[in-house]
Amino acid sequence: AGQSQFWHLWGLFNLQHGGLAHGVSLPAMLAQLPKLAGLFLVVCFGSCMDVAAIQSDMPTPIDFNRELMTVGISNMVTGALGAGYTGSYIFSQTIFTMRQ
């Protein structure tokens, strides 16, 4: 049942013949660019705050750049797959795991 729901949702993207040119309205997509830029800035700022929160609760320094790269890569993967929300929402789990 779960797999059929995935294909139903995928069909809503209206990607006909395997490409963007036939199933996506490019003017509508271009109209979203300002919103996308705003979302990009908010997620970047939020991710920096999450990593700073992790650092403030850790007894040893963490690699800030590495943590941000990990969050960024996971955001790109989830965005490309349409598989969830962007961001780093479970930093308390990260702190718990790092203490172990």
Protein backbone atom coordinates (compact mmCIF):
# COMPACT_ATOMS: atom_id res chain seq x y z
CA ALA A 1 0.00 0.00 0.00
CA GLY A 2 2.85 2.42 0.83
CA GLN A 3 4.48 1.99 -2.55
CA SER A 4 1.27 2.74 -4.44
CA GLN A 5 0.85 5.93 -2.39
CA PHE A 6 4.38 7.01 -3.36
CA TRP A 7 3.65 6.62 -7.07
CA HIS A 8 0.36 8.48 -6.68
CA LEU A 9 2.18 11.39 -5.03
CA TRP A 10 4.96 11.27 -7.65
CA GLY A 11 2.30 11.52 -10.38
CA LEU A 12 1.14 14.83 -8.90
CA PHE A 13 4.43 16.40 -9.99
CA ASN A 14 3.14 16.06 -13.61
CA LEU A 15 6.52 15.21 -15.11
CA GLN A 16 5.44 13.95 -18.51
CA HIS A 17 7.84 12.08 -20.78
CA GLY A 18 10.56 12.22 -18.11
CA GLY A 19 11.34 15.93 -18.40
CA LEU A 20 10.49 19.30 -16.94
CA ALA A 21 9.69 21.05 -20.23
CA HIS A 22 6.35 19.29 -20.77
CA GLY A 23 4.87 19.04 -17.30
CA VAL A 24 6.08 22.12 -15.41
CA SER A 25 5.12 25.73 -15.99
CA LEU A 26 8.44 27.57 -16.16
CA PRO A 27 6.93 31.03 -15.51
CA ALA A 28 5.29 29.68 -12.35
CA MET A 29 8.59 28.10 -11.31
CA LEU A 30 10.51 31.35 -11.90
CA ALA A 31 7.94 33.24 -9.81
CA GLN A 32 8.97 31.08 -6.85
CA LEU A 33 12.64 32.14 -6.93
CA PRO A 34 12.26 35.04 -4.44
CA LYS A 35 10.50 32.72 -2.01
CA LEU A 36 13.18 30.10 -2.54
CA ALA A 37 15.90 32.66 -1.76
CA GLY A 38 14.10 33.63 1.46
CA LEU A 39 13.69 29.98 2.45
CA PHE A 40 17.38 29.40 1.76
CA LEU A 41 18.39 32.23 4.11
CA VAL A 42 16.02 31.14 6.88
CA VAL A 43 17.16 27.51 6.74
CA CYS A 44 20.84 28.57 6.71
CA PHE A 45 20.35 30.80 9.74
CA GLY A 46 18.33 28.14 11.57
CA SER A 47 20.93 25.48 10.85
CA CYS A 48 23.69 27.74 12.19
CA MET A 49 21.66 28.31 15.35
CA ASP A 50 21.08 24.56 15.76
CA VAL A 51 24.80 23.81 15.45
CA ALA A 52 25.58 26.63 17.89
CA ALA A 53 23.10 25.10 20.34
CA ILE A 54 24.83 21.73 20.02
CA GLN A 55 28.21 23.38 20.59
CA SER A 56 26.98 25.23 23.69
CA ASP A 57 25.98 21.96 25.33
CA MET A 58 29.13 20.01 24.42
CA PRO A 59 32.20 19.89 26.67
CA THR A 60 34.57 19.68 23.68
CA PRO A 61 34.64 21.78 20.48
CA ILE A 62 32.88 20.40 17.43
CA ASP A 63 33.75 21.02 13.80
CA PHE A 64 31.18 23.72 12.92
CA ASN A 65 31.82 23.52 9.16
CA ARG A 66 31.50 19.74 9.10
CA GLU A 67 28.21 19.89 10.99
CA LEU A 68 26.82 22.51 8.60
CA MET A 69 27.94 20.49 5.58
CA THR A 70 26.16 17.44 6.98
CA VAL A 71 22.95 19.44 7.46
CA GLY A 72 23.28 21.00 4.00
CA ILE A 73 23.79 17.67 2.24
CA SER A 74 20.85 16.12 4.05
CA ASN A 75 18.71 19.13 3.11
CA MET A 76 19.66 18.75 -0.55
CA VAL A 77 18.86 15.04 -0.53
CA THR A 78 15.48 15.49 1.16
CA GLY A 79 14.67 18.40 -1.14
CA ALA A 80 15.61 16.48 -4.28
CA LEU A 81 13.56 13.48 -3.20
CA GLY A 82 10.65 15.48 -1.82
CA ALA A 83 11.04 13.32 1.26
CA GLY A 84 10.55 15.69 4.17
CA TYR A 85 11.37 18.94 5.88
CA THR A 86 14.65 20.80 5.66
CA GLY A 87 16.66 21.75 8.71
CA SER A 88 18.25 20.03 11.67
CA TYR A 89 15.39 19.54 14.07
CA ILE A 90 16.70 16.82 16.38
CA PHE A 91 19.83 18.41 17.77
CA SER A 92 18.99 17.08 21.26
CA GLN A 93 19.44 13.57 19.79
CA THR A 94 22.75 14.73 18.30
CA ILE A 95 23.93 15.93 21.72
CA PHE A 96 22.86 12.66 23.33
CA THR A 97 24.65 10.61 20.66
CA MET A 98 27.84 12.66 20.86
CA ARG A 99 27.98 12.25 24.65
CA GLN A 100 27.88 8.48 24.26
